[in-house]
N, C-alpha and C. Protein backbone atom coordinates (compact mmCIF):
# COMPACT_ATOMS: atom_id res chain seq x y z
N MET A 1 -5.02 -6.09 -8.19
CA MET A 1 -3.81 -5.07 -8.49
C MET A 1 -4.32 -4.83 -6.69
N ILE A 2 -2.94 -4.25 -5.68
CA ILE A 2 -2.76 -3.73 -4.57
C ILE A 2 -2.35 -2.86 -4.27
N LYS A 3 -2.73 -2.08 -2.72
CA LYS A 3 -2.27 -1.14 -2.88
C LYS A 3 -1.37 -1.39 -2.03
N ALA A 4 -0.67 -0.85 -2.18
CA ALA A 4 1.07 -1.38 -0.83
C ALA A 4 1.24 0.38 -0.28
N LYS A 5 1.15 -0.08 1.05
CA LYS A 5 2.28 1.14 1.45
C LYS A 5 3.72 0.66 1.94
N VAL A 6 4.51 2.16 1.58
CA VAL A 6 6.01 1.71 1.48
C VAL A 6 6.47 1.60 3.15
N ILE A 7 7.02 0.64 4.34
CA ILE A 7 7.56 0.51 4.93
C ILE A 7 9.15 0.67 5.48
N LYS A 8 9.55 0.61 4.06
CA LYS A 8 11.00 1.67 4.20
C LYS A 8 11.61 2.38 2.29
N PRO A 9 11.68 3.08 2.84
CA PRO A 9 11.94 3.74 1.66
C PRO A 9 13.39 2.72 0.21
N PHE A 10 12.90 2.76 -0.97
CA PHE A 10 13.87 2.31 -1.49
C PHE A 10 13.66 2.89 -2.99
N ILE A 11 14.57 2.29 -4.29
CA ILE A 11 14.48 2.87 -5.01
C ILE A 11 13.60 1.71 -5.95
N ASP A 12 12.32 2.15 -6.95
CA ASP A 12 11.64 1.00 -6.77
C ASP A 12 12.12 0.82 -8.64
N LYS A 13 13.11 -0.34 -8.76
CA LYS A 13 13.27 -1.16 -10.30
C LYS A 13 12.97 -0.75 -11.49
N GLU A 14 11.48 -0.65 -11.10
CA GLU A 14 10.74 -1.46 -12.17
C GLU A 14 10.80 0.13 -13.32
N THR A 15 10.01 0.99 -12.06
CA THR A 15 9.80 1.93 -12.94
C THR A 15 11.26 2.90 -12.70
N ASN A 16 11.79 3.22 -12.07
CA ASN A 16 13.17 4.30 -11.50
C ASN A 16 12.41 5.30 -10.38
N LYS A 17 11.38 5.22 -9.53
CA LYS A 17 10.97 5.64 -9.15
C LYS A 17 11.82 5.69 -7.91
N GLU A 18 11.58 6.97 -6.55
CA GLU A 18 11.63 6.73 -5.05
C GLU A 18 10.69 6.55 -4.79
N ARG A 19 10.48 5.62 -4.06
CA ARG A 19 9.28 5.33 -3.90
C ARG A 19 9.51 5.05 -1.81
N LYS A 20 8.99 6.94 -0.81
CA LYS A 20 9.42 7.19 0.29
C LYS A 20 8.45 6.40 1.07
N GLU A 21 9.21 6.35 2.61
CA GLU A 21 8.31 5.70 3.53
C GLU A 21 6.73 6.41 3.67
N GLY A 22 6.01 5.86 4.43
CA GLY A 22 4.35 6.04 3.78
C GLY A 22 3.41 6.49 2.34
N SER A 23 4.43 6.67 1.27
CA SER A 23 3.71 6.37 0.17
C SER A 23 3.09 5.35 0.05
N VAL A 24 1.67 5.55 -0.60
CA VAL A 24 1.41 4.50 -0.74
C VAL A 24 1.19 4.17 -2.41
N PHE A 25 0.72 3.04 -3.49
CA PHE A 25 0.49 2.60 -4.79
C PHE A 25 0.76 1.31 -5.25
N ASN A 26 -0.51 1.49 -6.51
CA ASN A 26 -0.61 0.06 -7.13
C ASN A 26 -0.02 -0.55 -7.69
N VAL A 27 0.21 -2.17 -7.22
CA VAL A 27 0.67 -3.15 -8.11
C VAL A 27 0.42 -3.99 -7.97
N THR A 28 0.80 -4.77 -8.60
CA THR A 28 0.52 -5.94 -8.90
C THR A 28 0.84 -7.30 -7.71
N PRO A 29 0.48 -8.76 -7.53
CA PRO A 29 0.79 -9.68 -6.48
C PRO A 29 1.71 -9.76 -6.26
N LYS A 30 2.09 -10.21 -8.11
CA LYS A 30 3.75 -10.44 -8.46
C LYS A 30 4.02 -9.59 -7.88
N ARG A 31 4.45 -8.30 -8.61
CA ARG A 31 5.47 -7.54 -7.71
C ARG A 31 5.95 -7.08 -6.72
N PHE A 32 4.87 -7.18 -5.78
CA PHE A 32 4.44 -7.53 -4.21
C PHE A 32 5.36 -7.96 -3.53
N LYS A 33 5.25 -8.84 -4.20
CA LYS A 33 5.85 -10.43 -3.46
C LYS A 33 7.33 -9.96 -3.77
N GLU A 34 7.94 -9.31 -5.48
CA GLU A 34 9.40 -9.42 -5.87
C GLU A 34 9.68 -8.38 -5.03
N ILE A 35 8.91 -7.30 -4.45
CA ILE A 35 9.37 -6.45 -3.73
C ILE A 35 9.85 -6.55 -2.86
N ASN A 36 8.88 -7.49 -2.01
CA ASN A 36 10.05 -7.92 -0.59
C ASN A 36 10.48 -8.92 -0.57
N SER A 37 10.62 -9.52 -1.53
CA SER A 37 11.58 -10.31 -1.30
C SER A 37 13.27 -10.68 -0.97
N THR A 38 12.78 -9.05 -1.39
CA THR A 38 14.66 -9.11 -1.41
C THR A 38 15.37 -9.25 0.21
N VAL A 39 16.42 -7.82 0.14
CA VAL A 39 17.67 -9.29 1.15
C VAL A 39 17.36 -8.17 1.97
N HIS A 40 16.82 -6.74 0.95
CA HIS A 40 16.78 -5.91 1.97
C HIS A 40 15.17 -6.34 3.40
N GLY A 41 14.65 -7.39 3.57
CA GLY A 41 13.72 -6.94 4.21
C GLY A 41 12.39 -6.83 3.46
N LYS A 42 10.95 -6.50 4.19
CA LYS A 42 10.02 -6.37 4.09
C LYS A 42 9.79 -4.50 3.43
N LEU A 43 9.38 -4.34 2.65
CA LEU A 43 9.72 -2.92 1.94
C LEU A 43 7.99 -2.06 1.90
N VAL A 44 7.25 -3.20 1.58
CA VAL A 44 5.85 -2.44 2.08
C VAL A 44 5.17 -4.08 2.39
N GLU A 45 3.48 -3.16 2.48
CA GLU A 45 2.66 -4.09 3.45
C GLU A 45 1.59 -3.53 2.17
N GLU A 46 0.35 -4.42 2.73
CA GLU A 46 -0.95 -4.27 1.69
C GLU A 46 -1.68 -3.39 2.63
N VAL A 47 -2.28 -2.09 1.69
CA VAL A 47 -3.22 -1.67 2.67
C VAL A 47 -5.12 -1.94 2.13
N LYS A 48 -5.12 -2.47 3.52
CA LYS A 48 -6.93 -2.73 3.10
C LYS A 48 -7.06 -1.94 3.18
N GLU A 49 -8.79 -2.29 2.05
CA GLU A 49 -10.03 -0.89 2.60
C GLU A 49 -10.48 -1.30 3.47
N ASP A 50 -10.94 -0.62 4.14
CA ASP A 50 -12.40 -0.01 5.59
C ASP A 50 -13.69 -0.88 5.12
N ASN A 51 -14.24 -1.08 3.50
CA ASN A 51 -15.64 -1.22 3.27
C ASN A 51 -15.20 -1.76 1.49
N ASP A 52 -16.79 -2.09 1.55
CA ASP A 52 -16.65 -3.15 -0.01
C ASP A 52 -16.21 -1.44 -1.14
N ASN A 53 -17.14 -1.03 -1.16
CA ASN A 53 -16.98 0.30 -1.74
C ASN A 53 -15.83 1.60 -1.59
N GLY A 54 -15.27 1.30 -0.91
CA GLY A 54 -13.78 1.95 -0.84
C GLY A 54 -13.31 2.99 -0.72
N LYS A 55 -14.27 4.06 0.18
CA LYS A 55 -14.79 4.45 0.58
C LYS A 55 -14.41 4.99 2.10
N ASP A 56 -14.27 6.28 2.91
CA ASP A 56 -14.16 5.90 3.99
C ASP A 56 -15.41 6.53 4.97
N ASP A 57 -15.86 5.42 6.00
CA ASP A 57 -17.57 5.62 5.72
C ASP A 57 -17.90 6.84 7.29
N ARG A 58 -16.20 7.10 7.43
CA ARG A 58 -16.90 7.54 9.12
C ARG A 58 -18.14 8.89 8.97
N HIS A 59 -17.95 10.09 7.98
CA HIS A 59 -19.24 10.84 7.42
C HIS A 59 -20.14 10.20 7.47
N ASN A 60 -20.75 9.12 7.36
CA ASN A 60 -22.15 7.71 7.09
C ASN A 60 -22.49 8.22 9.13
N LEU A 61 -21.88 8.21 10.05
CA LEU A 61 -22.20 7.60 10.59
C LEU A 61 -23.40 9.13 11.60
N GLU A 62 -23.99 7.74 12.11
CA GLU A 62 -25.10 9.20 12.72
C GLU A 62 -24.91 9.76 14.15
N ALA A 63 -25.45 10.85 14.54
CA ALA A 63 -25.23 10.60 15.49
C ALA A 63 -25.27 10.49 16.62
N ASP A 64 -25.71 10.10 17.94
CA ASP A 64 -25.86 9.84 18.71
C ASP A 64 -27.20 10.80 18.99
N LYS A 65 -28.88 9.85 18.98
CA LYS A 65 -30.11 10.85 19.81
C LYS A 65 -30.23 10.34 21.49
């Protein structure tokens, strides 16, 4: 699965849901390509995780000593 972020709002024909700009949803690689291959251009972009476990590590930073 790919985590996709909407960059242009659209109606997802497969799920019949409105996808609003900025929303994030999971999609198969095949569906990701289908969504971006329409005449409307690129509608979603892949969201990359910051680290291996998918969690935000900002809270793990050590304070300056």
